[in-house]
N, C-alpha and C. Protein backbone atom coordinates (compact mmCIF):
# COMPACT_ATOMS: atom_id res chain seq x y z
N MET A 1 130.59 98.77 72.28
CA MET A 1 131.39 97.98 73.24
C MET A 1 130.57 97.69 74.37
N ALA A 2 130.12 96.03 74.45
CA ALA A 2 129.16 96.03 75.58
C ALA A 2 129.65 95.88 76.94
N SER A 3 128.90 96.43 78.08
CA SER A 3 129.31 96.57 79.30
C SER A 3 129.74 94.87 79.93
N ALA A 4 131.00 95.37 80.60
CA ALA A 4 131.03 93.96 81.30
C ALA A 4 130.18 93.86 82.69
N TYR A 5 129.56 94.71 83.07
CA TYR A 5 128.91 94.74 84.45
C TYR A 5 127.58 94.48 84.10
N SER A 6 126.75 93.25 84.71
CA SER A 6 125.40 93.02 84.71
C SER A 6 124.35 94.02 85.94
N ILE A 7 123.23 93.87 85.60
CA ILE A 7 122.40 94.82 86.24
C ILE A 7 122.56 94.64 87.74
N ASP A 8 122.70 93.64 87.81
CA ASP A 8 123.21 93.11 89.43
C ASP A 8 124.31 93.62 90.04
N THR A 9 125.05 93.80 89.28
CA THR A 9 126.23 94.56 89.67
C THR A 9 126.13 95.93 89.71
N VAL A 10 125.36 96.57 88.59
CA VAL A 10 125.09 98.08 88.77
C VAL A 10 124.35 98.39 89.75
N ILE A 11 123.28 97.60 90.16
CA ILE A 11 122.39 97.90 91.24
C ILE A 11 122.40 96.65 92.23
N PRO A 12 123.39 96.47 93.15
CA PRO A 12 123.12 95.48 94.02
C PRO A 12 122.07 95.46 94.88
N HIS A 13 121.72 94.09 95.54
CA HIS A 13 121.17 93.93 96.44
C HIS A 13 119.30 94.36 95.88
N THR A 14 119.15 94.62 94.79
CA THR A 14 117.55 94.64 94.71
C THR A 14 116.64 93.55 94.99
N VAL A 15 117.54 92.01 95.03
CA VAL A 15 117.10 90.83 95.15
C VAL A 15 117.28 90.02 96.42
N ALA A 16 118.40 89.94 96.63
CA ALA A 16 119.13 89.30 97.94
C ALA A 16 119.65 90.63 98.77
N PRO A 17 119.32 89.98 99.76
CA PRO A 17 119.49 91.01 101.02
C PRO A 17 121.01 91.50 101.39
N ARG A 18 120.99 93.02 102.01
CA ARG A 18 122.33 93.53 102.19
C ARG A 18 123.21 92.58 103.39
N GLU A 19 124.37 93.04 103.16
CA GLU A 19 125.59 92.21 104.34
C GLU A 19 125.38 92.98 105.73
N ASP A 20 124.99 94.18 105.52
CA ASP A 20 124.88 94.92 106.38
C ASP A 20 123.74 95.18 107.49
N THR A 21 122.63 94.99 106.68
CA THR A 21 121.22 94.98 107.50
C THR A 21 120.54 93.96 107.38
N GLY A 22 120.94 93.24 106.39
CA GLY A 22 119.92 91.78 106.30
C GLY A 22 118.89 92.22 105.29
N LEU A 23 118.48 93.25 105.08
CA LEU A 23 117.35 93.96 104.31
C LEU A 23 117.58 93.88 102.91
N ASN A 24 117.14 93.82 101.62
CA ASN A 24 117.37 94.09 100.05
C ASN A 24 116.84 95.62 100.30
N ASN A 25 117.41 96.30 99.24
CA ASN A 25 117.45 98.25 99.10
C ASN A 25 115.88 98.32 99.08
N VAL A 26 115.06 97.20 98.35
CA VAL A 26 113.66 97.76 98.51
C VAL A 26 113.51 98.16 99.66
N LYS A 27 113.47 97.34 100.54
CA LYS A 27 112.74 97.00 102.40
C LYS A 27 113.53 97.92 102.72
N LEU A 28 114.81 98.23 102.60
CA LEU A 28 115.51 99.42 103.44
C LEU A 28 114.99 101.03 103.04
N GLY A 29 114.73 100.82 101.62
CA GLY A 29 114.33 102.04 101.15
C GLY A 29 112.71 102.51 101.88
N ILE A 30 111.99 101.51 101.97
CA ILE A 30 110.77 101.87 102.22
C ILE A 30 110.74 101.94 103.78
N TRP A 31 111.54 101.33 104.47
CA TRP A 31 111.36 101.56 106.00
C TRP A 31 112.25 102.89 106.58
N LEU A 32 113.16 103.61 105.67
CA LEU A 32 113.73 104.89 106.04
C LEU A 32 112.46 105.79 105.48
N PHE A 33 111.83 105.58 104.15
CA PHE A 33 110.79 106.75 103.58
C PHE A 33 109.58 106.41 104.78
N LEU A 34 109.21 105.25 105.38
CA LEU A 34 108.20 105.28 106.30
C LEU A 34 108.58 106.19 107.96
N ALA A 35 110.06 106.09 108.04
CA ALA A 35 110.56 106.58 109.32
C ALA A 35 110.29 108.14 108.70
N SER A 36 110.56 108.96 108.01
CA SER A 36 110.35 110.00 107.70
C SER A 36 108.87 110.45 107.53
N GLU A 37 107.83 109.49 107.18
CA GLU A 37 106.18 109.66 107.28
C GLU A 37 105.73 109.88 108.73
N VAL A 38 106.77 108.89 109.53
CA VAL A 38 106.16 108.99 110.90
C VAL A 38 106.27 110.10 111.64
N MET A 39 108.01 110.68 111.13
CA MET A 39 107.77 112.13 111.63
C MET A 39 107.11 113.28 111.18
N LEU A 40 106.92 113.17 110.14
CA LEU A 40 105.58 114.01 109.38
C LEU A 40 104.34 114.14 110.16
N PHE A 41 103.73 112.73 110.35
CA PHE A 41 102.65 112.89 111.33
C PHE A 41 102.52 113.02 112.78
N GLY A 42 103.88 112.32 113.24
CA GLY A 42 104.13 112.66 114.71
C GLY A 42 104.40 114.28 114.65
N GLY A 43 104.83 115.03 114.08
CA GLY A 43 104.72 116.44 114.35
C GLY A 43 103.05 117.47 114.37
N LEU A 44 102.30 116.64 113.43
CA LEU A 44 101.15 116.99 113.10
C LEU A 44 100.46 116.67 114.50
N PHE A 45 100.41 115.55 115.12
CA PHE A 45 99.54 114.70 116.25
C PHE A 45 100.15 115.86 117.21
N ALA A 46 101.76 116.01 117.46
CA ALA A 46 102.04 116.95 118.35
C ALA A 46 101.37 118.28 118.71
N SER A 47 101.37 118.97 117.39
CA SER A 47 100.65 120.22 117.40
C SER A 47 99.35 120.24 117.97
N TYR A 48 98.58 119.08 117.53
CA TYR A 48 96.95 118.71 118.01
C TYR A 48 97.13 118.73 119.36
N VAL A 49 98.07 118.30 119.90
CA VAL A 49 97.85 117.91 121.36
C VAL A 49 98.21 119.44 122.19
N LEU A 50 99.37 120.03 121.61
CA LEU A 50 99.57 121.46 122.29
C LEU A 50 98.29 122.31 122.01
N LEU A 51 97.68 122.14 121.02
CA LEU A 51 96.57 123.23 120.52
C LEU A 51 95.50 122.75 121.44
N ARG A 52 95.13 121.78 121.60
CA ARG A 52 94.02 120.98 122.62
C ARG A 52 94.36 121.51 123.95
N THR A 53 95.52 121.07 124.50
CA THR A 53 95.70 121.11 125.67
C THR A 53 95.79 122.52 126.60
N GLY A 54 96.15 123.68 125.17
CA GLY A 54 96.20 125.08 125.61
C GLY A 54 94.67 125.65 124.92
N ALA A 55 93.98 124.86 124.72
CA ALA A 55 92.40 125.75 124.57
C ALA A 55 91.84 125.67 125.97
N GLU A 56 90.95 127.11 125.77
CA GLU A 56 90.11 126.85 127.19
C GLU A 56 88.80 126.04 126.79
N HIS A 57 88.29 125.99 125.36
CA HIS A 57 87.44 124.89 125.37
C HIS A 57 87.45 124.13 124.13
N TRP A 58 87.73 122.79 123.89
CA TRP A 58 87.58 122.12 122.93
C TRP A 58 86.70 121.55 122.60
N PRO A 59 85.70 121.47 121.30
CA PRO A 59 84.82 120.80 121.17
C PRO A 59 84.92 119.27 120.84
N ARG A 60 84.20 118.65 121.19
CA ARG A 60 84.11 116.91 121.07
C ARG A 60 84.03 116.77 119.40
N GLY A 61 84.82 115.61 119.19
CA GLY A 61 84.66 115.18 117.92
C GLY A 61 83.20 115.04 117.10
N HIS A 62 82.38 114.26 118.07
CA HIS A 62 80.80 113.72 117.70
C HIS A 62 80.13 115.22 117.32
N ASP A 63 80.58 116.13 117.93
CA ASP A 63 79.69 117.47 117.63
C ASP A 63 79.65 118.04 116.14
N TYR A 64 80.72 117.53 115.49
CA TYR A 64 81.06 118.06 114.14
C TYR A 64 80.97 116.88 113.28
N LEU A 65 81.26 115.57 113.74
CA LEU A 65 81.90 114.81 112.83
C LEU A 65 81.02 113.27 112.77
N SER A 66 80.84 112.60 111.91
CA SER A 66 80.09 111.22 112.12
C SER A 66 80.67 110.00 112.23
N VAL A 67 80.76 109.71 113.63
CA VAL A 67 81.40 108.65 113.83
C VAL A 67 80.84 107.44 113.24
N PRO A 68 80.01 106.95 112.99
CA PRO A 68 79.29 105.58 112.05
C PRO A 68 80.47 105.88 110.83
N LEU A 69 80.01 106.67 110.22
CA LEU A 69 80.91 107.15 108.78
C LEU A 69 82.50 106.47 109.08
N ALA A 70 83.21 107.27 109.81
CA ALA A 70 84.31 106.84 110.52
C ALA A 70 84.81 105.38 110.85
N ALA A 71 83.75 105.15 111.44
CA ALA A 71 83.75 103.54 112.34
C ALA A 71 83.92 102.37 110.97
N THR A 72 82.97 102.93 110.17
CA THR A 72 82.53 102.08 108.68
C THR A 72 84.15 102.24 107.91
N ASN A 73 84.70 103.17 107.75
CA ASN A 73 85.81 103.55 106.90
C ASN A 73 87.03 102.90 107.77
N THR A 74 87.13 102.86 109.07
CA THR A 74 88.11 102.09 109.81
C THR A 74 88.23 100.89 109.54
N LEU A 75 86.75 99.95 109.36
CA LEU A 75 86.80 98.61 108.60
C LEU A 75 86.93 98.58 107.57
N VAL A 76 87.05 99.25 106.50
CA VAL A 76 87.24 99.17 105.12
C VAL A 76 88.71 99.09 104.99
N LEU A 77 89.64 99.94 105.84
CA LEU A 77 90.80 100.14 105.73
C LEU A 77 91.28 99.13 106.13
N ILE A 78 91.01 98.25 107.31
CA ILE A 78 91.50 97.35 107.96
C ILE A 78 91.53 96.19 107.04
N ALA A 79 90.03 95.81 106.47
CA ALA A 79 89.75 95.02 105.31
C ALA A 79 90.87 95.01 104.25
N SER A 80 91.41 95.91 103.61
CA SER A 80 92.14 96.18 102.78
C SER A 80 93.34 95.86 103.17
N SER A 81 93.84 96.09 104.21
CA SER A 81 95.20 95.65 104.72
C SER A 81 95.33 94.28 104.76
N VAL A 82 94.29 93.41 105.14
CA VAL A 82 94.06 91.81 104.97
C VAL A 82 94.17 91.47 103.67
N THR A 83 93.44 92.14 102.61
CA THR A 83 93.58 91.42 101.34
C THR A 83 95.14 92.22 100.75
N MET A 84 95.68 93.19 101.19
CA MET A 84 96.99 93.20 100.53
C MET A 84 97.77 92.22 101.01
N VAL A 85 97.85 92.07 101.96
CA VAL A 85 98.81 90.34 102.88
C VAL A 85 98.23 89.72 102.06
N MET A 86 97.26 89.33 101.71
CA MET A 86 96.96 88.03 100.97
C MET A 86 97.44 87.82 99.49
N ALA A 87 97.31 89.17 99.04
CA ALA A 87 98.07 89.27 97.52
C ALA A 87 99.31 89.32 97.75
N TRP A 88 100.21 89.69 98.60
CA TRP A 88 101.55 89.29 98.77
C TRP A 88 101.58 87.69 99.04
N ALA A 89 101.00 86.82 99.88
CA ALA A 89 101.20 86.00 100.26
C ALA A 89 100.58 84.90 98.75
N SER A 90 99.88 85.26 98.23
CA SER A 90 99.53 84.72 96.78
C SER A 90 100.73 84.44 95.86
N LEU A 91 101.66 85.79 95.64
CA LEU A 91 102.83 85.68 94.90
C LEU A 91 103.95 84.65 95.64
N ILE A 92 103.99 84.65 97.06
CA ILE A 92 105.03 83.45 97.24
C ILE A 92 104.44 82.29 96.84
N ARG A 93 102.76 82.05 97.13
CA ARG A 93 102.66 80.62 96.57
C ARG A 93 102.66 80.57 95.10
N LYS A 94 103.21 81.54 94.44
CA LYS A 94 103.16 81.58 92.76
C LYS A 94 101.92 81.42 92.31
N ASP A 95 100.59 82.21 92.85
CA ASP A 95 99.25 82.03 92.43
C ASP A 95 99.29 83.64 91.87
N LEU A 96 99.58 83.49 90.57
CA LEU A 96 99.05 85.04 90.02
C LEU A 96 97.63 85.73 89.78
N GLY A 97 97.08 84.51 89.86
CA GLY A 97 95.24 84.86 89.66
C GLY A 97 95.20 85.52 90.88
N LYS A 98 95.06 84.90 92.12
CA LYS A 98 94.69 84.76 93.54
C LYS A 98 95.26 86.44 93.80
N TYR A 99 96.64 86.49 93.41
CA TYR A 99 97.35 87.84 93.48
C TYR A 99 96.34 88.89 92.93
N ARG A 100 96.16 88.97 91.51
CA ARG A 100 95.30 89.70 90.86
C ARG A 100 93.99 90.08 91.61
N LEU A 101 93.14 89.09 92.24
CA LEU A 101 91.79 89.10 92.78
C LEU A 101 91.93 90.10 94.18
N PHE A 102 93.05 89.72 94.89
CA PHE A 102 93.29 90.49 96.16
C PHE A 102 93.85 91.94 96.11
N MET A 103 94.62 92.05 95.19
CA MET A 103 95.34 93.37 95.00
C MET A 103 93.88 94.20 94.42
N ALA A 104 93.13 93.26 93.37
CA ALA A 104 92.15 94.42 92.86
C ALA A 104 91.01 95.03 94.19
N LEU A 105 90.74 94.05 95.50
CA LEU A 105 90.30 94.06 96.36
C LEU A 105 90.76 95.10 97.21
N THR A 106 91.82 95.04 97.09
CA THR A 106 92.72 96.17 97.85
C THR A 106 92.59 97.61 97.49
N VAL A 107 92.70 97.74 96.23
CA VAL A 107 92.58 98.81 95.49
C VAL A 107 90.56 99.39 95.70
N LEU A 108 90.16 98.31 95.49
CA LEU A 108 88.60 98.72 95.60
C LEU A 108 88.18 99.29 97.11
N GLY A 109 88.97 98.74 98.31
CA GLY A 109 89.00 99.11 99.66
C GLY A 109 88.87 100.69 99.58
N GLY A 110 90.46 100.92 99.35
CA GLY A 110 90.99 102.34 99.00
C GLY A 110 89.88 103.23 98.09
N THR A 111 89.15 103.11 97.37
CA THR A 111 88.52 103.47 96.70
C THR A 111 86.93 103.71 97.50
N GLY A 112 86.89 102.85 98.31
CA GLY A 112 85.29 102.80 99.01
C GLY A 112 85.98 104.08 100.25
N PHE A 113 86.92 103.88 100.88
CA PHE A 113 87.39 104.78 102.02
C PHE A 113 87.19 106.48 101.27
N LEU A 114 87.80 106.44 100.00
CA LEU A 114 87.63 107.67 99.42
C LEU A 114 86.13 108.40 99.19
N VAL A 115 85.45 107.29 98.70
CA VAL A 115 83.94 107.66 98.78
C VAL A 115 83.28 107.97 99.93
N ILE A 116 83.43 107.31 101.22
CA ILE A 116 82.87 107.76 102.34
C ILE A 116 83.23 109.08 102.68
N LYS A 117 84.50 109.12 102.67
CA LYS A 117 85.19 110.48 103.03
C LYS A 117 84.84 111.46 102.36
N TYR A 118 84.70 111.44 100.73
CA TYR A 118 83.94 112.29 100.34
C TYR A 118 82.52 112.72 100.46
N ILE A 119 81.58 111.80 100.85
CA ILE A 119 80.56 112.01 101.62
C ILE A 119 80.47 112.47 102.85
N GLU A 120 81.75 112.60 103.71
CA GLU A 120 81.80 113.01 104.90
C GLU A 120 82.05 114.75 104.75
N TYR A 121 83.10 114.91 103.92
CA TYR A 121 83.46 116.26 103.57
C TYR A 121 82.21 117.33 102.87
N THR A 122 81.62 116.68 102.01
CA THR A 122 80.59 117.22 101.53
C THR A 122 79.28 117.83 102.48
N THR A 123 78.99 116.23 103.12
CA THR A 123 77.95 116.77 104.42
C THR A 123 78.85 118.05 105.48
N LYS A 124 79.83 118.19 105.48
CA LYS A 124 80.42 119.24 106.35
C LYS A 124 80.45 120.35 105.78
N PHE A 125 80.57 120.76 104.53
CA PHE A 125 80.41 121.71 103.66
C PHE A 125 79.09 122.05 103.44
N HIS A 126 78.37 121.34 103.26
CA HIS A 126 77.15 121.70 103.15
C HIS A 126 76.42 122.78 104.38
N HIS A 127 76.67 121.87 105.83
CA HIS A 127 76.68 122.52 106.95
C HIS A 127 77.21 123.74 107.44
N GLY A 128 78.26 124.09 106.49
CA GLY A 128 78.73 125.32 106.64
C GLY A 128 80.34 125.17 107.46
N TYR A 129 80.50 124.02 107.78
CA TYR A 129 81.80 123.86 108.49
C TYR A 129 82.80 123.60 107.27
N PHE A 130 84.03 124.38 107.58
CA PHE A 130 85.02 124.38 106.96
C PHE A 130 86.46 124.89 107.79
N PRO A 131 87.51 124.50 107.19
CA PRO A 131 89.09 124.65 108.01
C PRO A 131 88.95 126.26 108.95
N SER A 132 88.25 127.02 108.19
CA SER A 132 88.37 128.77 108.83
C SER A 132 87.32 128.31 110.06
N THR A 133 86.31 127.54 109.98
CA THR A 133 85.22 127.57 111.06
C THR A 133 85.82 127.80 112.34
N ASN A 134 86.79 127.01 112.71
CA ASN A 134 87.46 126.85 113.96
C ASN A 134 88.84 125.72 113.74
N THR A 135 89.63 125.96 115.19
CA THR A 135 90.96 125.34 115.05
C THR A 135 90.86 123.67 115.07
N PHE A 136 89.53 123.26 115.84
CA PHE A 136 89.49 121.84 115.45
C PHE A 136 89.03 121.65 114.23
N LEU A 137 88.27 121.96 113.41
CA LEU A 137 87.99 121.90 111.87
C LEU A 137 89.15 121.82 110.90
N ALA A 138 90.20 122.82 111.37
CA ALA A 138 91.39 122.91 110.65
C ALA A 138 92.28 121.87 110.92
N ILE A 139 92.33 121.04 112.02
CA ILE A 139 93.23 120.09 112.33
C ILE A 139 92.70 118.98 111.70
N TYR A 140 91.25 118.75 111.81
CA TYR A 140 90.78 117.89 111.31
C TYR A 140 91.00 117.48 109.54
N PHE A 141 90.84 119.07 109.02
CA PHE A 141 90.73 118.93 107.49
C PHE A 141 92.08 118.77 106.98
N THR A 142 93.19 119.02 107.76
CA THR A 142 94.77 119.04 107.59
C THR A 142 95.17 117.63 107.93
N LEU A 143 94.52 116.79 108.61
CA LEU A 143 95.14 115.45 109.09
C LEU A 143 94.38 114.79 107.98
N THR A 144 93.04 114.82 108.17
CA THR A 144 92.46 113.75 107.17
C THR A 144 92.62 114.19 105.70
N GLY A 145 92.76 115.26 105.13
CA GLY A 145 93.40 115.33 103.89
C GLY A 145 94.58 115.00 103.56
N LEU A 146 95.66 115.21 104.69
CA LEU A 146 96.89 114.50 104.14
C LEU A 146 97.06 112.96 104.23
N HIS A 147 96.16 112.68 104.89
CA HIS A 147 96.01 111.40 104.72
C HIS A 147 95.39 110.50 103.32
N GLY A 148 94.27 111.29 103.10
CA GLY A 148 93.51 111.08 102.06
C GLY A 148 94.55 111.11 100.91
N LEU A 149 95.49 112.12 100.88
CA LEU A 149 96.54 112.26 99.74
C LEU A 149 97.27 110.79 99.79
N HIS A 150 97.69 110.29 101.13
CA HIS A 150 98.45 109.22 101.15
C HIS A 150 97.46 107.82 100.67
N VAL A 151 96.22 107.77 100.84
CA VAL A 151 95.43 106.89 100.65
C VAL A 151 95.63 106.98 99.04
N ILE A 152 95.53 107.91 98.29
CA ILE A 152 94.97 107.99 96.69
C ILE A 152 96.78 107.39 96.55
N SER A 153 97.68 107.80 97.01
CA SER A 153 99.55 107.36 96.49
C SER A 153 99.29 106.17 96.44
N GLY A 154 98.93 105.45 97.61
CA GLY A 154 98.59 104.06 97.82
C GLY A 154 98.53 103.37 96.68
N MET A 155 96.98 103.90 96.51
CA MET A 155 95.91 102.96 95.43
C MET A 155 96.68 103.16 93.96
N VAL A 156 97.49 104.49 93.94
CA VAL A 156 98.16 104.31 92.12
C VAL A 156 99.01 103.31 92.25
N VAL A 157 99.90 103.27 93.55
CA VAL A 157 100.93 102.28 92.99
C VAL A 157 100.34 100.79 93.31
N ASN A 158 99.42 100.41 93.78
CA ASN A 158 98.43 99.15 94.00
C ASN A 158 98.06 98.94 92.43
N ALA A 159 97.47 100.11 91.86
CA ALA A 159 96.92 99.59 90.63
C ALA A 159 98.06 99.41 90.02
N TYR A 160 99.07 100.23 89.98
CA TYR A 160 100.25 100.18 88.77
C TYR A 160 100.78 98.50 88.91
N LEU A 161 100.96 98.34 90.40
CA LEU A 161 101.26 97.03 90.43
C LEU A 161 100.49 95.72 89.78
N LEU A 162 98.91 96.38 89.95
CA LEU A 162 97.98 95.25 89.74
C LEU A 162 97.97 95.08 87.83
N GLY A 163 98.11 96.30 87.10
CA GLY A 163 97.99 96.28 86.06
C GLY A 163 99.62 95.96 85.12
N PRO A 164 100.33 97.15 84.56
CA PRO A 164 101.32 96.98 83.83
C PRO A 164 102.43 96.47 84.56
N GLY A 165 102.32 96.84 86.11
CA GLY A 165 103.75 96.40 86.91
C GLY A 165 103.61 95.02 87.01
N SER A 166 103.00 94.24 86.62
CA SER A 166 102.57 93.09 87.07
C SER A 166 103.51 92.16 86.07
N LYS A 167 103.65 92.81 84.81
CA LYS A 167 104.64 92.01 83.72
C LYS A 167 106.06 92.07 84.40
N MET A 168 106.35 92.24 85.43
CA MET A 168 107.84 91.78 86.17
C MET A 168 107.53 90.42 86.36
N TRP A 169 106.27 90.00 86.89
CA TRP A 169 106.10 88.59 87.54
C TRP A 169 107.15 87.48 86.64
N LYS A 170 106.88 87.82 85.18
CA LYS A 170 107.35 86.74 84.49
C LYS A 170 108.76 86.71 83.96
N SER A 171 109.59 88.25 84.54
CA SER A 171 111.09 88.39 83.89
C SER A 171 111.72 88.31 85.58
N GLU A 172 111.11 88.74 86.35
CA GLU A 172 111.83 88.95 87.62
C GLU A 172 110.97 88.83 88.83
N PRO A 173 110.34 87.71 89.21
CA PRO A 173 109.04 87.13 90.35
C PRO A 173 109.89 87.42 91.39
N GLN A 174 110.88 87.30 91.80
CA GLN A 174 111.07 87.83 93.11
C GLN A 174 111.57 89.38 93.43
N ARG A 175 111.92 89.90 92.32
CA ARG A 175 111.73 91.57 92.52
C ARG A 175 110.68 92.24 92.45
N PHE A 176 109.54 91.43 91.93
CA PHE A 176 108.35 91.67 91.88
C PHE A 176 107.70 91.63 93.24
N ILE A 177 108.08 90.39 93.71
CA ILE A 177 107.44 90.25 95.19
C ILE A 177 107.95 91.25 96.12
N ASN A 178 109.15 91.80 95.92
CA ASN A 178 109.86 92.78 96.95
C ASN A 178 109.01 93.92 96.47
N ARG A 179 108.82 94.40 95.44
CA ARG A 179 108.06 95.50 95.32
C ARG A 179 106.74 95.74 95.87
N VAL A 180 105.69 94.17 95.60
CA VAL A 180 104.66 94.15 96.25
C VAL A 180 104.63 94.38 97.64
N GLU A 181 105.76 93.82 98.39
CA GLU A 181 106.10 93.71 100.08
C GLU A 181 106.10 95.33 100.03
N ALA A 182 106.76 96.14 99.57
CA ALA A 182 107.28 97.35 99.91
C ALA A 182 105.95 98.38 99.84
N ALA A 183 105.08 98.27 98.68
CA ALA A 183 103.82 98.95 98.69
C ALA A 183 102.83 98.48 99.56
N GLY A 184 102.83 97.17 100.44
CA GLY A 184 102.22 96.65 101.29
C GLY A 184 102.52 97.35 102.49
N LEU A 185 103.96 97.46 102.96
CA LEU A 185 104.04 98.03 103.83
C LEU A 185 103.79 99.47 104.10
N PHE A 186 103.99 100.38 103.21
CA PHE A 186 103.31 101.27 102.97
C PHE A 186 101.32 101.76 103.37
N TRP A 187 100.82 100.51 102.57
CA TRP A 187 99.83 100.80 102.88
C TRP A 187 99.26 100.63 104.28
N HIS A 188 99.84 99.36 104.75
CA HIS A 188 99.72 99.09 106.32
C HIS A 188 99.86 100.70 106.99
N PHE A 189 101.11 100.93 106.95
CA PHE A 189 100.98 102.66 107.53
C PHE A 189 99.96 103.56 107.37
N VAL A 190 99.27 103.59 106.27
CA VAL A 190 98.23 104.23 105.99
C VAL A 190 97.38 103.74 107.13
N ASP A 191 96.99 102.44 106.74
CA ASP A 191 95.86 101.93 107.57
C ASP A 191 96.22 102.46 109.13
N LEU A 192 97.51 102.17 109.40
CA LEU A 192 98.18 102.71 111.25
C LEU A 192 97.65 104.12 111.26
N VAL A 193 98.03 105.02 110.59
CA VAL A 193 97.68 106.40 110.72
C VAL A 193 96.22 106.40 110.85
N TRP A 194 95.11 105.95 110.17
CA TRP A 194 94.05 106.23 110.51
C TRP A 194 93.26 105.63 111.68
N ILE A 195 93.94 104.56 112.03
CA ILE A 195 93.63 103.84 113.52
C ILE A 195 94.09 104.73 114.42
N PHE A 196 95.04 105.67 114.21
CA PHE A 196 95.35 106.72 115.49
C PHE A 196 94.30 107.99 114.96
N LEU A 197 93.81 107.97 113.88
CA LEU A 197 93.30 109.63 113.75
C LEU A 197 91.57 109.01 114.14
N PHE A 198 91.07 108.29 113.97
CA PHE A 198 89.64 107.74 114.28
C PHE A 198 89.53 108.16 115.79
N PRO A 199 90.42 107.37 117.00
CA PRO A 199 89.79 108.02 118.02
C PRO A 199 90.24 109.20 118.68
N VAL A 200 91.45 109.33 117.74
CA VAL A 200 91.68 111.16 118.19
C VAL A 200 91.14 112.17 117.84
N LEU A 201 90.47 111.98 116.89
CA LEU A 201 89.35 113.12 115.89
C LEU A 201 88.24 112.87 116.33
N TYR A 202 87.73 111.40 116.42
CA TYR A 202 86.11 111.42 116.31
C TYR A 202 85.51 110.80 117.78
N LEU A 203 86.52 110.25 118.60
CA LEU A 203 86.06 109.84 119.98
C LEU A 203 86.31 110.31 121.12
N LEU A 204 87.48 111.51 121.10
CA LEU A 204 88.06 112.13 122.20
C LEU A 204 87.44 113.46 122.43
């Protein structure tokens, strides 16, 4: 016997906004998730502040780290945030071709960021700089390593939405737009975390 309930009845507010929040479930879910991510990185930043203020001597970031490489990575991530917005805006204009172009550039930007980070890591290992070297490097590898995992996660989601996930555009375009918007919010969060990491670790 066929069910009397439609998909929208079983899983409400996947497209239409909720009456209580004014947000659809996709956007509400991603904002709640990002709130937990803020607490995660906030705790790590707080630990960094406590360790640094309690230390008798604290090295400057440029003693170990490459400011030019980090500045380049900052520009790469900011540019990828712009292309992420353009990908979403292209769907609003119902231009799937431009969406695919800008989403591909976003994934490419994430790849470029990771390649530069790989170069930076291998250079440090070559000079004998490891997390066990001192507290500063332990914090550096922890924060940038965790951030790198977030970059990889965002790239996986964006690559899926660029490839097989884009099939939803034909059947449920508004729901697909909502998914891309949620992925974009996560990507902007990743970018924002790096904008904090860059001056804190490399410049101060």
